[in-house]
Amino acid sequence: MIKKLIGLAAVLFTVTAVSWAQDVDFTQAINSRKMMNQAGKISSGAPVPAAPYKLDIPGLFKDFTFTFDSDVPVKIQTQTRKDLAFIQSVKGTSVSNLHKKIFGQVDGSDYTRFFNTRIKGIGMDDCGSPIAVACVIPFYDSSKMWLTQNYIKFSHPQIARIMVVFHETRHTESNNGNWSHATCPTPFTDENGQNMQSIWTGSSLAGEGACDRTPFGSYGSSMIMLKNIQKFCSTCTDKVRMDAGIYADDQFKRIIDPGAKKAIREDLYK
């Protein structure tokens, strides 16, 4: 069921071995009939919010404070809390220039601050598409993130889930037009001539609103975050750093502007 449907910044994640389609611009997934059908649902059908969750784990700097809707499965609430506890514990030995501009240091306190100033609630929705994984719906609530069943049913490493969460967090920025996505080219292939597919769900990306033309959008910022964790995290295991690199490199393929790709290469791939 679609609860809220206008002006969406959506991220459609799809799963394959090494590539994924996270965001598809949601305006492409919504038609006028669906919007009209929403008239009575926004006010009467919204889930009852659960109590705010404050993360309080010894040794961590700050608390995350946000609200889970009651329809978010308890298992996913617990998983999300653990994911945020992990990112709050991160310490880095250095930082790239682009990361510094977006998040600050490779440090849990900066990631916590970034999240807390943008996300106030997490709920469940279908985000208007069978291949969506998560979305932000600015017209309904620009500080709320919506997860879909695709977020729940596909299994990915913790750092990949964090990538999704921070991708959506970037979409809350109404002052930046919610960082709308660009349409991926058709055909859309990788350096080996293989069709680009979502690393999360396996959906084809060609012709979808699942690419970016700037390093500072949701794809660019989340891959910059993960690439910095791969390179500089001193508190992460080798497995976490490896996973961060795999997912960051995949997301980099979503950046389709030559100038933006060059800026990221110079910042992180030298």
Foldseek 3Di string as FASTA:
>chain_A
DAQDAPLWFFFFWAADAFAIFTTFGLVVLDDPVVNVVNVPRNVPPFADKDAWDWQDDPPFDGTATAIEGPPPDPVVVVLVSVLLVVQRQWDWPAAFPVLCVAQNHSHSVSVSVLLNVAAHYEYEGQSRDVRTAKIARQVSPLRYIYGYVLVVPFDDDSLVNVLSSQLRSCQSPVVVVSQFADQAAVQQADPVRHFGHGNRRGHGRHRGSRAHQALNHSLNNSLSSLLSCLVITPPDDPVSSVSSPSNSVNSLSRHDHPVRNVVCCVRRVD
